[in-house]
Amino acid sequence: MAELSSAKTLGGIGSILLILTLVPSVGFVLGIVGWILVLVALKEISDIMKASKIFTDALIAVVLSIMGLVVAGVVVLGSVFRFFRINGYTFGGIRPSTPPTDIGGLIVGILLGLAVLWVFSVISSVFLKRSLDSVSSALNLGMFRTAALLYLIGAVLTIILVGFIIIFVAEILLIVAFFSIPDNLPARPQGTEPTWAPPSA
C-alpha cells in the first residue's frame, strides 16, 4: 500500500496556516510555514505517484511568488526613498516647510510595484493550477482541481480586490482537498504503471 497519510496531514495543516496569513504580526511567518508544509506534502505525493511534475510546478509557483514580492518591494521602496530624497526628508529629522514634490512619481512607482506583483501572482497561479490539477488527476479528487481554478481566477481578479475573497475560498477548499486524501492507495501489480495521465497544460 502506498501511504499518503503524511502528505494528507502536512498538506492540511499547511493549508490552514495559509489562511492564518491574515493574522496581524505573525501572519506572514505562518504563511511561509504553510507554503513549506504544502510543498513537502506535494513532494511526497509527487514521489508516491512518480509524477515529478506535481512538485516541480508547485515549486515554480512558490519561487515566482517570492520573486514577485522581491521585485515589487524593490520598485516601491525605490520610489519611496526617491521621494524622500527629492523632498529633503530625513528619518527622525525635521519636515521641510516647502510643499513636497514628485508626488506623481511616488504614486506611479507604487502602482508599478503593485502591477509587477499582480503579473507574478497570475503567472504563479498558473503553475500552481497545473500542479493541483495533476494531483486531482492522480488521486481522483476533484476538489484539488476546483481549488486550483479558484486560485487562478482569484489571482486575476485581485486587481479589483474581489479576487482576495475568491483566493480565500480557494484556500478553504484546499484544506478540504488535502484532508480528503485517503491514508493510502491500493498497491498496483508489480511492473505496472500508474493509470492516470497529467492534465494538458
Protein backbone atom coordinates (compact mmCIF):
# COMPACT_ATOMS: atom_id res chain seq x y z
CA MET A 1 0.00 0.00 0.00
CA ALA A 2 1.28 3.47 -0.89
CA GLU A 3 0.95 5.63 2.22
CA LEU A 4 -0.39 9.16 1.82
CA SER A 5 -1.23 9.90 5.45
CA SER A 6 1.84 12.09 5.94
CA ALA A 7 1.10 14.17 2.82
CA LYS A 8 -2.54 14.43 3.92
CA THR A 9 -1.60 15.77 7.36
CA LEU A 10 1.18 18.11 6.22
CA GLY A 11 -0.87 19.49 3.34
CA GLY A 12 -3.94 20.01 5.52
CA ILE A 13 -2.03 21.79 8.28
CA GLY A 14 -0.10 23.84 5.74
CA SER A 15 -3.32 24.93 4.05
CA ILE A 16 -4.76 26.01 7.40
CA LEU A 17 -1.66 28.12 8.05
CA LEU A 18 -2.11 29.78 4.66
CA ILE A 19 -5.45 31.16 5.81
CA LEU A 20 -3.81 32.40 9.01
CA THR A 21 -1.66 34.71 6.88
CA LEU A 22 -4.37 37.29 7.64
CA VAL A 23 -3.47 37.25 11.35
CA PRO A 24 -1.69 40.51 12.31
CA SER A 25 2.03 40.43 13.18
CA VAL A 26 2.65 36.69 12.84
CA GLY A 27 0.55 36.07 9.73
CA PHE A 28 3.44 36.45 7.28
CA VAL A 29 5.52 33.85 9.14
CA LEU A 30 2.57 31.46 9.36
CA GLY A 31 2.04 31.85 5.61
CA ILE A 32 5.66 30.95 4.88
CA VAL A 33 5.48 27.88 7.11
CA GLY A 34 2.19 26.94 5.46
CA TRP A 35 3.66 27.04 1.96
CA ILE A 36 6.65 24.97 3.11
CA LEU A 37 4.35 22.29 4.51
CA VAL A 38 2.21 22.30 1.36
CA LEU A 39 5.35 21.92 -0.78
CA VAL A 40 6.56 19.00 1.35
CA ALA A 41 3.13 17.36 1.01
CA LEU A 42 3.13 17.82 -2.76
CA LYS A 43 6.67 16.42 -2.92
CA GLU A 44 5.52 13.29 -1.10
CA ILE A 45 2.54 12.91 -3.43
CA SER A 46 4.83 13.51 -6.39
CA ASP A 47 7.21 10.77 -5.26
CA ILE A 48 4.47 8.28 -4.44
CA MET A 49 2.68 8.81 -7.76
CA LYS A 50 6.00 9.01 -9.64
CA ALA A 51 4.91 12.34 -11.14
CA SER A 52 7.70 14.89 -10.72
CA LYS A 53 5.55 17.50 -12.50
CA ILE A 54 3.39 17.86 -9.39
CA PHE A 55 6.24 19.11 -7.24
CA THR A 56 8.11 20.95 -9.99
CA ASP A 57 5.13 23.10 -10.96
CA ALA A 58 4.34 23.86 -7.30
CA LEU A 59 7.95 24.84 -6.62
CA ILE A 60 8.00 27.15 -9.65
CA ALA A 61 4.76 28.74 -8.42
CA VAL A 62 6.25 29.49 -5.00
CA VAL A 63 9.52 30.79 -6.46
CA LEU A 64 7.61 33.12 -8.78
CA SER A 65 5.56 34.43 -5.86
CA ILE A 66 8.73 35.20 -3.92
CA MET A 67 10.30 36.86 -6.95
CA GLY A 68 7.18 38.98 -7.41
CA LEU A 69 7.30 40.16 -3.79
CA VAL A 70 11.01 40.99 -4.04
CA VAL A 71 10.78 42.87 -7.35
CA ALA A 72 7.64 44.74 -6.30
CA GLY A 73 9.24 45.61 -2.97
CA VAL A 74 12.33 46.99 -4.68
CA VAL A 75 10.23 49.11 -7.05
CA VAL A 76 8.02 50.52 -4.30
CA LEU A 77 10.82 51.15 -1.82
CA GLY A 78 12.91 52.73 -4.57
CA SER A 79 10.10 55.16 -5.32
CA VAL A 80 9.58 55.96 -1.64
CA PHE A 81 13.25 56.65 -0.97
CA ARG A 82 13.49 58.74 -4.14
CA PHE A 83 10.52 60.81 -2.96
CA PHE A 84 12.12 61.33 0.46
CA ARG A 85 15.46 62.28 -1.06
CA ILE A 86 13.99 64.79 -3.52
CA ASN A 87 11.99 66.48 -0.78
CA GLY A 88 14.80 66.56 1.75
CA TYR A 89 13.11 64.33 4.30
CA THR A 90 15.31 62.60 6.84
CA PHE A 91 14.21 59.83 9.12
CA GLY A 92 13.78 61.44 12.52
CA GLY A 93 14.57 64.85 11.03
CA ILE A 94 12.51 67.99 10.53
CA ARG A 95 9.98 68.13 7.73
CA PRO A 96 10.78 70.84 5.17
CA SER A 97 8.45 73.83 5.08
CA THR A 98 8.15 73.69 1.28
CA PRO A 99 5.39 71.52 -0.25
CA PRO A 100 6.58 68.03 -1.26
CA THR A 101 7.31 67.48 -4.95
CA ASP A 102 7.17 64.47 -7.30
CA ILE A 103 4.11 63.00 -5.61
CA GLY A 104 3.10 61.76 -9.05
CA GLY A 105 6.35 59.81 -9.35
CA LEU A 106 5.73 58.24 -5.95
CA ILE A 107 2.21 57.18 -6.93
CA VAL A 108 3.41 55.80 -10.28
CA GLY A 109 6.16 53.83 -8.51
CA ILE A 110 3.71 52.28 -6.06
CA LEU A 111 1.26 51.39 -8.84
CA LEU A 112 4.08 49.91 -10.92
CA GLY A 113 5.16 47.78 -7.96
CA LEU A 114 1.60 46.52 -7.49
CA ALA A 115 1.34 45.78 -11.22
CA VAL A 116 4.56 43.74 -11.10
CA LEU A 117 3.26 41.83 -8.08
CA TRP A 118 -0.02 41.15 -9.89
CA VAL A 119 1.70 39.81 -13.02
CA PHE A 120 3.94 37.49 -10.99
CA SER A 121 0.93 36.33 -8.95
CA VAL A 122 -1.06 35.43 -12.05
CA ILE A 123 1.84 33.51 -13.61
CA SER A 124 2.49 31.79 -10.30
CA SER A 125 -1.15 30.74 -10.02
CA VAL A 126 -0.96 29.16 -13.49
CA PHE A 127 1.83 26.85 -12.32
CA LEU A 128 0.02 26.16 -9.05
CA LYS A 129 -3.08 25.23 -11.03
CA ARG A 130 -1.04 22.82 -13.15
CA SER A 131 0.34 21.19 -10.01
CA LEU A 132 -3.03 20.85 -8.28
CA ASP A 133 -4.69 19.65 -11.49
CA SER A 134 -2.08 16.89 -11.63
CA VAL A 135 -2.82 15.97 -8.01
CA SER A 136 -6.52 15.91 -8.83
CA SER A 137 -5.95 13.53 -11.72
CA ALA A 138 -3.51 11.35 -9.77
CA LEU A 139 -5.72 10.92 -6.71
CA ASN A 140 -9.09 11.28 -8.44
CA LEU A 141 -10.07 14.15 -6.13
CA GLY A 142 -11.89 16.91 -7.99
CA MET A 143 -11.63 19.30 -5.04
CA PHE A 144 -7.98 19.96 -5.91
CA ARG A 145 -8.96 20.98 -9.43
CA THR A 146 -11.70 23.30 -8.12
CA ALA A 147 -9.33 24.94 -5.64
CA ALA A 148 -6.75 25.37 -8.41
CA LEU A 149 -9.24 27.07 -10.71
CA LEU A 150 -10.38 29.43 -7.97
CA TYR A 151 -6.76 30.31 -7.17
CA LEU A 152 -6.21 31.29 -10.79
CA ILE A 153 -9.45 33.28 -11.04
CA GLY A 154 -8.73 34.94 -7.72
CA ALA A 155 -5.20 35.93 -8.75
CA VAL A 156 -6.50 37.52 -11.95
CA LEU A 157 -9.24 39.40 -10.10
CA THR A 158 -7.07 40.72 -7.26
CA ILE A 159 -6.71 43.80 -9.41
CA ILE A 160 -10.30 44.63 -8.48
CA LEU A 161 -9.94 43.29 -4.91
CA VAL A 162 -12.75 40.71 -5.17
CA GLY A 163 -10.02 38.25 -6.10
CA PHE A 164 -8.82 38.14 -2.49
CA ILE A 165 -12.19 36.74 -1.43
CA ILE A 166 -12.00 34.09 -4.16
CA ILE A 167 -8.48 33.13 -3.09
CA PHE A 168 -9.72 32.80 0.50
CA VAL A 169 -12.42 30.40 -0.69
CA ALA A 170 -9.80 28.50 -2.72
CA GLU A 171 -7.65 28.09 0.41
CA ILE A 172 -10.62 26.67 2.32
CA LEU A 173 -11.25 24.19 -0.49
CA LEU A 174 -7.57 23.26 -0.48
CA ILE A 175 -7.85 22.35 3.21
CA VAL A 176 -10.83 20.13 2.42
CA ALA A 177 -8.98 18.62 -0.55
CA PHE A 178 -5.91 17.67 1.46
CA PHE A 179 -7.91 16.16 4.30
CA SER A 180 -9.94 14.20 1.71
CA ILE A 181 -6.83 12.31 0.59
CA PRO A 182 -7.04 8.64 1.57
CA ASP A 183 -4.38 7.47 4.02
CA ASN A 184 -3.11 5.01 1.46
CA LEU A 185 -3.65 3.87 -2.11
CA PRO A 186 -4.22 0.32 -3.28
CA ALA A 187 -0.96 -1.26 -4.36
CA ARG A 188 -0.53 -1.72 -8.11
CA PRO A 189 0.63 -5.04 -9.50
CA GLN A 190 4.42 -5.07 -9.74
CA GLY A 191 5.71 -3.76 -13.05
CA THR A 192 2.57 -1.79 -13.93
CA GLU A 193 2.45 1.96 -14.48
CA PRO A 194 0.02 4.47 -12.95
CA THR A 195 -3.25 4.70 -14.81
CA TRP A 196 -3.50 8.48 -14.57
CA ALA A 197 -2.12 10.96 -17.05
CA PRO A 198 -1.09 14.54 -16.27
CA PRO A 199 -3.62 17.15 -17.41
CA SER A 200 -2.87 19.08 -20.56
CA ALA A 201 -1.29 22.48 -19.96
